[in-house]
Amino acid sequence: MELLYKKCVPCEGGILPMNSGEAQKYMAEVTGWSLIDGKKIQKEFKFKDFKEVMVFVNKVADLAESEGHHPDIFIHGWNKVRFELSTHAIGGLSENDFIMAAKIDSIKTF
């Protein structure tokens, strides 16, 4: 997947967020993610126990720091975590969100 090999680019604003057509094209690249109100994407992951959730969340945190693009993270229940991605500086979606989604998915597969 091409997104997996890209790097997030710092965004300080000044650009328009993706329109719904652009977002739909990227949605085809990230399996299992949902488009929410055209402004963010989200996905929930389920694990066998809380410890696995935390190991995964910490790996995503390391990834987010290295990419400079941070998801909203919601741990709920004892075995689930949901990530929401949007580019806050532009109030919507950018390619960075889909790059992070692809990279989060790649962590889960290992």
C-alpha atoms as a PDB file:
ATOM      1  CA  MET A   1       0.000   0.000   0.000  1.00  0.00           C
ATOM      2  CA  GLU A   2       1.460   3.318  -1.061  1.00  0.00           C
ATOM      3  CA  LEU A   3       0.274   5.220   2.039  1.00  0.00           C
ATOM      4  CA  LEU A   4       2.293   2.933   4.267  1.00  0.00           C
ATOM      5  CA  TYR A   5       5.529   4.203   2.730  1.00  0.00           C
ATOM      6  CA  LYS A   6       4.733   7.917   2.948  1.00  0.00           C
ATOM      7  CA  LYS A   7       5.691  10.246   5.788  1.00  0.00           C
ATOM      8  CA  CYS A   8       3.311  12.694   7.435  1.00  0.00           C
ATOM      9  CA  VAL A   9       4.039  16.298   6.500  1.00  0.00           C
ATOM     10  CA  PRO A  10       3.686  18.986   9.182  1.00  0.00           C
ATOM     11  CA  CYS A  11       0.490  20.988   8.727  1.00  0.00           C
ATOM     12  CA  GLU A  12       0.178  24.451  10.233  1.00  0.00           C
ATOM     13  CA  GLY A  13      -3.079  25.251   8.474  1.00  0.00           C
ATOM     14  CA  GLY A  14      -3.566  27.502   5.478  1.00  0.00           C
ATOM     15  CA  ILE A  15      -4.833  24.677   3.268  1.00  0.00           C
ATOM     16  CA  LEU A  16      -8.334  23.367   2.749  1.00  0.00           C
ATOM     17  CA  PRO A  17      -9.365  20.005   4.174  1.00  0.00           C
ATOM     18  CA  MET A  18     -10.196  17.207   1.749  1.00  0.00           C
ATOM     19  CA  ASN A  19     -13.616  17.305   0.186  1.00  0.00           C
ATOM     20  CA  SER A  20     -15.827  14.221   0.408  1.00  0.00           C
ATOM     21  CA  GLY A  21     -14.782  12.958  -3.036  1.00  0.00           C
ATOM     22  CA  GLU A  22     -11.104  13.078  -2.158  1.00  0.00           C
ATOM     23  CA  ALA A  23     -11.762  11.433   1.200  1.00  0.00           C
ATOM     24  CA  GLN A  24     -13.715   8.602  -0.445  1.00  0.00           C
ATOM     25  CA  LYS A  25     -10.764   7.841  -2.737  1.00  0.00           C
ATOM     26  CA  TYR A  26      -8.477   7.507   0.285  1.00  0.00           C
ATOM     27  CA  MET A  27     -11.052   5.427   2.186  1.00  0.00           C
ATOM     28  CA  ALA A  28     -10.510   2.665  -0.370  1.00  0.00           C
ATOM     29  CA  GLU A  29      -6.891   2.505   0.844  1.00  0.00           C
ATOM     30  CA  VAL A  30      -7.642   1.922   4.550  1.00  0.00           C
ATOM     31  CA  THR A  31      -9.678  -1.159   5.364  1.00  0.00           C
ATOM     32  CA  GLY A  32     -12.146  -1.021   8.230  1.00  0.00           C
ATOM     33  CA  TRP A  33     -11.921   2.731   8.846  1.00  0.00           C
ATOM     34  CA  SER A  34     -15.125   4.787   8.883  1.00  0.00           C
ATOM     35  CA  LEU A  35     -15.570   8.312   7.585  1.00  0.00           C
ATOM     36  CA  ILE A  36     -17.322  10.446  10.224  1.00  0.00           C
ATOM     37  CA  ASP A  37     -19.107  13.635   9.125  1.00  0.00           C
ATOM     38  CA  GLY A  38     -16.560  14.026   6.325  1.00  0.00           C
ATOM     39  CA  LYS A  39     -14.138  15.484   8.888  1.00  0.00           C
ATOM     40  CA  LYS A  40     -12.472  12.503  10.558  1.00  0.00           C
ATOM     41  CA  ILE A  41     -11.893   8.789  10.230  1.00  0.00           C
ATOM     42  CA  GLN A  42     -12.125   6.223  12.995  1.00  0.00           C
ATOM     43  CA  LYS A  43     -11.528   2.557  13.645  1.00  0.00           C
ATOM     44  CA  GLU A  44     -11.971   0.296  16.641  1.00  0.00           C
ATOM     45  CA  PHE A  45      -9.634  -2.561  17.489  1.00  0.00           C
ATOM     46  CA  LYS A  46     -10.441  -5.441  19.836  1.00  0.00           C
ATOM     47  CA  PHE A  47      -7.894  -7.490  21.772  1.00  0.00           C
ATOM     48  CA  LYS A  48      -7.904 -10.532  24.025  1.00  0.00           C
ATOM     49  CA  ASP A  49      -7.117  -8.502  27.144  1.00  0.00           C
ATOM     50  CA  PHE A  50      -6.267  -5.082  28.549  1.00  0.00           C
ATOM     51  CA  LYS A  51      -2.534  -5.705  28.449  1.00  0.00           C
ATOM     52  CA  GLU A  52      -2.635  -6.241  24.668  1.00  0.00           C
ATOM     53  CA  VAL A  53      -4.607  -3.006  24.290  1.00  0.00           C
ATOM     54  CA  MET A  54      -1.928  -1.086  26.159  1.00  0.00           C
ATOM     55  CA  VAL A  55       0.954  -2.641  24.214  1.00  0.00           C
ATOM     56  CA  PHE A  56      -0.783  -1.650  20.959  1.00  0.00           C
ATOM     57  CA  VAL A  57      -1.597   1.870  22.185  1.00  0.00           C
ATOM     58  CA  ASN A  58       2.028   2.406  23.198  1.00  0.00           C
ATOM     59  CA  LYS A  59       3.227   1.282  19.762  1.00  0.00           C
ATOM     60  CA  VAL A  60       0.795   3.717  18.141  1.00  0.00           C
ATOM     61  CA  ALA A  61       2.002   6.471  20.485  1.00  0.00           C
ATOM     62  CA  ASP A  62       5.594   5.879  19.372  1.00  0.00           C
ATOM     63  CA  LEU A  63       4.480   5.946  15.736  1.00  0.00           C
ATOM     64  CA  ALA A  64       2.511   9.173  16.278  1.00  0.00           C
ATOM     65  CA  GLU A  65       5.541  10.863  17.796  1.00  0.00           C
ATOM     66  CA  SER A  66       7.790   9.791  14.925  1.00  0.00           C
ATOM     67  CA  GLU A  67       5.243  10.990  12.345  1.00  0.00           C
ATOM     68  CA  GLY A  68       4.311  14.179  14.177  1.00  0.00           C
ATOM     69  CA  HIS A  69       0.625  13.360  13.713  1.00  0.00           C
ATOM     70  CA  HIS A  70      -1.384  12.316  16.751  1.00  0.00           C
ATOM     71  CA  PRO A  71      -4.684  10.426  16.838  1.00  0.00           C
ATOM     72  CA  ASP A  72      -7.359  10.795  19.466  1.00  0.00           C
ATOM     73  CA  ILE A  73      -7.267   7.548  21.452  1.00  0.00           C
ATOM     74  CA  PHE A  74     -10.236   6.086  23.350  1.00  0.00           C
ATOM     75  CA  ILE A  75      -9.704   2.973  25.470  1.00  0.00           C
ATOM     76  CA  HIS A  76     -12.996   1.432  26.525  1.00  0.00           C
ATOM     77  CA  GLY A  77     -14.204  -1.758  28.039  1.00  0.00           C
ATOM     78  CA  TRP A  78     -11.314  -3.945  29.002  1.00  0.00           C
ATOM     79  CA  ASN A  79     -10.249  -4.963  25.512  1.00  0.00           C
ATOM     80  CA  LYS A  80     -11.072  -2.238  22.982  1.00  0.00           C
ATOM     81  CA  VAL A  81      -9.436   0.892  21.641  1.00  0.00           C
ATOM     82  CA  ARG A  82     -10.767   3.372  19.088  1.00  0.00           C
ATOM     83  CA  PHE A  83      -8.652   5.815  17.127  1.00  0.00           C
ATOM     84  CA  GLU A  84      -9.954   8.971  15.521  1.00  0.00           C
ATOM     85  CA  LEU A  85      -7.852  10.880  13.026  1.00  0.00           C
ATOM     86  CA  SER A  86      -8.266  14.375  11.643  1.00  0.00           C
ATOM     87  CA  THR A  87      -5.950  17.261  10.934  1.00  0.00           C
ATOM     88  CA  HIS A  88      -6.911  19.730  13.630  1.00  0.00           C
ATOM     89  CA  ALA A  89      -5.028  22.656  12.050  1.00  0.00           C
ATOM     90  CA  ILE A  90      -7.371  22.586   9.031  1.00  0.00           C
ATOM     91  CA  GLY A  91     -10.538  21.310  10.714  1.00  0.00           C
ATOM     92  CA  GLY A  92     -10.824  18.201   8.588  1.00  0.00           C
ATOM     93  CA  LEU A  93      -8.978  15.497   6.745  1.00  0.00           C
ATOM     94  CA  SER A  94      -5.604  15.571   5.025  1.00  0.00           C
ATOM     95  CA  GLU A  95      -3.464  12.851   3.512  1.00  0.00           C
ATOM     96  CA  ASN A  96      -1.651  12.637   6.880  1.00  0.00           C
ATOM     97  CA  ASP A  97      -4.738  11.085   8.460  1.00  0.00           C
ATOM     98  CA  PHE A  98      -4.800   8.276   5.930  1.00  0.00           C
ATOM     99  CA  ILE A  99      -1.040   7.743   6.187  1.00  0.00           C
ATOM    100  CA  MET A 100      -1.427   7.298   9.951  1.00  0.00           C
ATOM    101  CA  ALA A 101      -4.418   4.977   9.489  1.00  0.00           C
ATOM    102  CA  ALA A 102      -2.388   2.738   7.163  1.00  0.00           C
ATOM    103  CA  LYS A 103       0.542   2.706   9.566  1.00  0.00           C
ATOM    104  CA  ILE A 104      -1.695   1.940  12.573  1.00  0.00           C
ATOM    105  CA  ASP A 105      -3.141  -0.988  10.625  1.00  0.00           C
ATOM    106  CA  SER A 106       0.364  -2.239   9.857  1.00  0.00           C
ATOM    107  CA  ILE A 107       1.196  -2.327  13.576  1.00  0.00           C
ATOM    108  CA  LYS A 108      -1.891  -4.423  14.290  1.00  0.00           C
ATOM    109  CA  THR A 109      -0.865  -7.057  11.762  1.00  0.00           C
ATOM    110  CA  PHE A 110       2.353  -7.878  13.641  1.00  0.00           C
END
